Amino acid sequence: MTEDLSYSQAIEQLEAIVQEIENEDISVDQLSEKVKQASFLITICQQALKVTGQEVRDILSALNQEPEADKGP
């Protein structure tokens, strides 16, 4: 597992894990490892969402601080 995964890649892997568990395609022996992997992937997704949320807030803040003269009539 690597933290270089994109949000989309992490979500894709999470969906695969969920499907395996729902379809009972994994043994009890594998379940613990899959849950650990899912936890790691969730952390990656949370971090990506946090960063993206801050970037969006920064962009919106910058837009709201534009001088009135630049906004047009």
C-alpha atoms as a PDB file:
ATOM      1  CA  MET A   1       0.000   0.000   0.000  1.00  0.00           C
ATOM      2  CA  THR A   2       1.212   3.461  -0.794  1.00  0.00           C
ATOM      3  CA  GLU A   3       0.131   6.962   0.022  1.00  0.00           C
ATOM      4  CA  ASP A   4       0.770   7.925  -3.613  1.00  0.00           C
ATOM      5  CA  LEU A   5      -2.703   6.707  -4.502  1.00  0.00           C
ATOM      6  CA  SER A   6      -5.093   9.239  -5.940  1.00  0.00           C
ATOM      7  CA  TYR A   7      -8.533   9.730  -4.431  1.00  0.00           C
ATOM      8  CA  SER A   8     -10.067   7.864  -7.377  1.00  0.00           C
ATOM      9  CA  GLN A   9      -7.686   4.935  -7.003  1.00  0.00           C
ATOM     10  CA  ALA A  10      -8.330   4.706  -3.268  1.00  0.00           C
ATOM     11  CA  ILE A  11     -12.108   4.795  -3.787  1.00  0.00           C
ATOM     12  CA  GLU A  12     -11.835   2.116  -6.467  1.00  0.00           C
ATOM     13  CA  GLN A  13      -9.885  -0.147  -4.116  1.00  0.00           C
ATOM     14  CA  LEU A  14     -12.338   0.528  -1.278  1.00  0.00           C
ATOM     15  CA  GLU A  15     -15.260  -0.407  -3.515  1.00  0.00           C
ATOM     16  CA  ALA A  16     -13.509  -3.648  -4.443  1.00  0.00           C
ATOM     17  CA  ILE A  17     -12.966  -4.500  -0.775  1.00  0.00           C
ATOM     18  CA  VAL A  18     -16.602  -3.753   0.057  1.00  0.00           C
ATOM     19  CA  GLN A  19     -17.762  -5.921  -2.827  1.00  0.00           C
ATOM     20  CA  GLU A  20     -15.538  -8.802  -1.687  1.00  0.00           C
ATOM     21  CA  ILE A  21     -16.929  -8.558   1.832  1.00  0.00           C
ATOM     22  CA  GLU A  22     -20.553  -8.245   0.671  1.00  0.00           C
ATOM     23  CA  ASN A  23     -20.167 -11.211  -1.678  1.00  0.00           C
ATOM     24  CA  GLU A  24     -18.393 -13.189   1.027  1.00  0.00           C
ATOM     25  CA  ASP A  25     -15.471 -13.670  -1.375  1.00  0.00           C
ATOM     26  CA  ILE A  26     -12.903 -13.494   1.420  1.00  0.00           C
ATOM     27  CA  SER A  27     -12.148 -15.836   4.240  1.00  0.00           C
ATOM     28  CA  VAL A  28     -12.305 -14.923   7.887  1.00  0.00           C
ATOM     29  CA  ASP A  29      -8.513 -15.122   7.862  1.00  0.00           C
ATOM     30  CA  GLN A  30      -8.334 -12.379   5.219  1.00  0.00           C
ATOM     31  CA  LEU A  31     -10.995 -10.172   6.779  1.00  0.00           C
ATOM     32  CA  SER A  32      -8.711  -8.473   9.292  1.00  0.00           C
ATOM     33  CA  GLU A  33      -6.188  -7.555   6.586  1.00  0.00           C
ATOM     34  CA  LYS A  34      -8.923  -6.217   4.312  1.00  0.00           C
ATOM     35  CA  VAL A  35     -10.334  -4.067   7.125  1.00  0.00           C
ATOM     36  CA  LYS A  36      -6.841  -2.665   7.827  1.00  0.00           C
ATOM     37  CA  GLN A  37      -6.393  -1.912   4.133  1.00  0.00           C
ATOM     38  CA  ALA A  38      -9.809  -0.233   3.989  1.00  0.00           C
ATOM     39  CA  SER A  39      -8.936   1.913   7.000  1.00  0.00           C
ATOM     40  CA  PHE A  40      -5.738   3.044   5.287  1.00  0.00           C
ATOM     41  CA  LEU A  41      -7.624   3.855   2.073  1.00  0.00           C
ATOM     42  CA  ILE A  42     -10.262   5.816   3.999  1.00  0.00           C
ATOM     43  CA  THR A  43      -7.491   7.910   5.559  1.00  0.00           C
ATOM     44  CA  ILE A  44      -6.113   8.684   2.088  1.00  0.00           C
ATOM     45  CA  CYS A  45      -9.584   9.749   0.922  1.00  0.00           C
ATOM     46  CA  GLN A  46     -10.154  11.921   3.993  1.00  0.00           C
ATOM     47  CA  GLN A  47      -6.815  13.669   3.471  1.00  0.00           C
ATOM     48  CA  ALA A  48      -7.558  14.284  -0.208  1.00  0.00           C
ATOM     49  CA  LEU A  49     -10.979  15.718   0.608  1.00  0.00           C
ATOM     50  CA  LYS A  50      -9.498  17.948   3.313  1.00  0.00           C
ATOM     51  CA  VAL A  51      -6.857  19.334   0.942  1.00  0.00           C
ATOM     52  CA  THR A  52      -9.377  19.862  -1.852  1.00  0.00           C
ATOM     53  CA  GLY A  53     -11.812  21.562   0.514  1.00  0.00           C
ATOM     54  CA  GLN A  54      -9.112  23.979   1.676  1.00  0.00           C
ATOM     55  CA  GLU A  55      -8.095  24.729  -1.910  1.00  0.00           C
ATOM     56  CA  VAL A  56     -11.711  25.515  -2.824  1.00  0.00           C
ATOM     57  CA  ARG A  57     -12.094  27.772   0.244  1.00  0.00           C
ATOM     58  CA  ASP A  58      -8.863  29.588  -0.687  1.00  0.00           C
ATOM     59  CA  ILE A  59     -10.051  30.137  -4.259  1.00  0.00           C
ATOM     60  CA  LEU A  60     -13.441  31.411  -3.116  1.00  0.00           C
ATOM     61  CA  SER A  61     -11.797  33.675  -0.563  1.00  0.00           C
ATOM     62  CA  ALA A  62      -9.510  35.120  -3.238  1.00  0.00           C
ATOM     63  CA  LEU A  63     -12.490  35.731  -5.509  1.00  0.00           C
ATOM     64  CA  ASN A  64     -14.334  37.546  -2.741  1.00  0.00           C
ATOM     65  CA  GLN A  65     -11.342  39.800  -2.117  1.00  0.00           C
ATOM     66  CA  GLU A  66     -11.085  41.085  -5.692  1.00  0.00           C
ATOM     67  CA  PRO A  67     -11.245  44.893  -5.915  1.00  0.00           C
ATOM     68  CA  GLU A  68     -14.601  46.315  -6.966  1.00  0.00           C
ATOM     69  CA  ALA A  69     -12.996  47.981 -10.029  1.00  0.00           C
ATOM     70  CA  ASP A  70     -12.077  44.573 -11.452  1.00  0.00           C
ATOM     71  CA  LYS A  71     -15.618  43.253 -11.184  1.00  0.00           C
ATOM     72  CA  GLY A  72     -17.023  45.434 -13.949  1.00  0.00           C
ATOM     73  CA  PRO A  73     -20.218  47.510 -14.084  1.00  0.00           C
END
